[in-house]
C-alpha atoms as a PDB file:
ATOM      1  CA  UNK A   1     138.579  95.131 110.881  1.00  0.00           C
ATOM      2  CA  UNK A   2     136.783  98.214 109.525  1.00  0.00           C
ATOM      3  CA  UNK A   3     134.160  96.360 107.460  1.00  0.00           C
ATOM      4  CA  UNK A   4     132.457  94.588 110.387  1.00  0.00           C
ATOM      5  CA  UNK A   5     132.169  97.898 112.208  1.00  0.00           C
ATOM      6  CA  UNK A   6     130.613  99.574 109.152  1.00  0.00           C
ATOM      7  CA  UNK A   7     128.258  96.631 108.722  1.00  0.00           C
ATOM      8  CA  UNK A   8     127.212  96.856 112.347  1.00  0.00           C
ATOM      9  CA  UNK A   9     126.576 100.586 112.055  1.00  0.00           C
ATOM     10  CA  UNK A  10     124.489  99.985 108.950  1.00  0.00           C
ATOM     11  CA  UNK A  11     122.412  97.321 110.719  1.00  0.00           C
ATOM     12  CA  UNK A  12     121.802  99.676 113.636  1.00  0.00           C
ATOM     13  CA  UNK A  13     121.067 102.908 111.769  1.00  0.00           C
ATOM     14  CA  UNK A  14     119.450 101.780 108.493  1.00  0.00           C
ATOM     15  CA  UNK A  15     116.008 101.108 110.038  1.00  0.00           C
ATOM     16  CA  UNK A  16     116.002 104.567 111.617  1.00  0.00           C
ATOM     17  CA  UNK A  17     116.924 106.149 108.292  1.00  0.00           C
ATOM     18  CA  UNK A  18     114.057 104.265 106.644  1.00  0.00           C
ATOM     19  CA  UNK A  19     111.599 105.354 109.332  1.00  0.00           C
ATOM     20  CA  UNK A  20     112.762 108.959 108.993  1.00  0.00           C
ATOM     21  CA  UNK A  21     112.303 108.955 105.223  1.00  0.00           C
ATOM     22  CA  UNK A  22     108.864 107.356 105.513  1.00  0.00           C
ATOM     23  CA  UNK A  23     107.718 109.864 108.135  1.00  0.00           C
ATOM     24  CA  UNK A  24     109.111 112.767 106.091  1.00  0.00           C
ATOM     25  CA  UNK A  25     107.181 111.616 103.013  1.00  0.00           C
ATOM     26  CA  UNK A  26     103.920 111.160 104.916  1.00  0.00           C
ATOM     27  CA  UNK A  27     104.196 114.500 106.739  1.00  0.00           C
ATOM     28  CA  UNK A  28     105.154 116.271 103.509  1.00  0.00           C
ATOM     29  CA  UNK A  29     102.097 114.852 101.741  1.00  0.00           C
ATOM     30  CA  UNK A  30      99.727 115.847 104.530  1.00  0.00           C
ATOM     31  CA  UNK A  31     101.129 119.355 104.921  1.00  0.00           C
ATOM     32  CA  UNK A  32     101.147 119.762 101.138  1.00  0.00           C
ATOM     33  CA  UNK A  33      97.460 118.907 100.979  1.00  0.00           C
ATOM     34  CA  UNK A  34      96.654 121.452 103.696  1.00  0.00           C
ATOM     35  CA  UNK A  35      98.819 124.048 102.001  1.00  0.00           C
ATOM     36  CA  UNK A  36      96.972 123.603  98.693  1.00  0.00           C
ATOM     37  CA  UNK A  37      93.629 123.775 100.504  1.00  0.00           C
ATOM     38  CA  UNK A  38      94.655 126.938 102.301  1.00  0.00           C
ATOM     39  CA  UNK A  39      95.766 128.558  99.045  1.00  0.00           C
ATOM     40  CA  UNK A  40      92.502 127.602  97.349  1.00  0.00           C
ATOM     41  CA  UNK A  41      90.506 128.940 100.272  1.00  0.00           C
ATOM     42  CA  UNK A  42      92.468 132.187 100.309  1.00  0.00           C
ATOM     43  CA  UNK A  43      91.809 132.638  96.585  1.00  0.00           C
ATOM     44  CA  UNK A  44      88.101 131.965  97.118  1.00  0.00           C
ATOM     45  CA  UNK A  45      87.610 134.133 100.186  1.00  0.00           C
ATOM     46  CA  UNK A  46      88.913 137.381  98.703  1.00  0.00           C
ATOM     47  CA  UNK A  47      87.234 138.042  95.337  1.00  0.00           C
ATOM     48  CA  UNK A  48      87.482 141.648  94.148  1.00  0.00           C
ATOM     49  CA  UNK A  49      88.659 142.870  97.542  1.00  0.00           C
ATOM     50  CA  UNK A  50      85.538 141.724  99.388  1.00  0.00           C
ATOM     51  CA  UNK A  51      86.765 139.249 102.014  1.00  0.00           C
ATOM     52  CA  UNK A  52      84.304 136.474 102.687  1.00  0.00           C
ATOM     53  CA  UNK A  53      81.770 137.470 100.025  1.00  0.00           C
ATOM     54  CA  UNK A  54      81.883 134.188  98.147  1.00  0.00           C
ATOM     55  CA  UNK A  55      81.958 132.081 101.298  1.00  0.00           C
ATOM     56  CA  UNK A  56      78.932 133.828 102.794  1.00  0.00           C
ATOM     57  CA  UNK A  57      76.957 133.599  99.512  1.00  0.00           C
ATOM     58  CA  UNK A  58      77.748 129.911  99.194  1.00  0.00           C
ATOM     59  CA  UNK A  59      76.908 129.281 102.846  1.00  0.00           C
ATOM     60  CA  UNK A  60      73.522 130.953 102.434  1.00  0.00           C
ATOM     61  CA  UNK A  61      72.859 129.021  99.244  1.00  0.00           C
ATOM     62  CA  UNK A  62      73.719 125.741 100.943  1.00  0.00           C
ATOM     63  CA  UNK A  63      71.674 126.491 104.050  1.00  0.00           C
ATOM     64  CA  UNK A  64      68.648 127.588 102.053  1.00  0.00           C
ATOM     65  CA  UNK A  65      69.266 125.024  99.306  1.00  0.00           C
ATOM     66  CA  UNK A  66      68.868 127.620  96.567  1.00  0.00           C
ATOM     67  CA  UNK A  67      70.826 128.348  93.407  1.00  0.00           C
ATOM     68  CA  UNK A  68      72.722 131.632  93.131  1.00  0.00           C
ATOM     69  CA  UNK A  69      72.094 134.096  90.294  1.00  0.00           C
ATOM     70  CA  UNK A  70      75.348 133.210  88.566  1.00  0.00           C
ATOM     71  CA  UNK A  71      74.301 129.566  88.368  1.00  0.00           C
ATOM     72  CA  UNK A  72      76.605 128.271  91.095  1.00  0.00           C
ATOM     73  CA  UNK A  73      75.444 126.555  94.192  1.00  0.00           C
END
């Protein structure tokens, strides 16, 4: 008597569990990518206590299509 009820519950809820796990994995991957990007950006934006110095230098170099003194572009 108990086994058919458990089987029925499994048939009903197993697809939802699978969808939940799939969505959790996808959302975790996307948010992880943004988190890594944000950490990289934060490390790049604040060199030697000068917020935005590297970003503005790189932006100017890209807009003017020139190479910076330190060899980066």
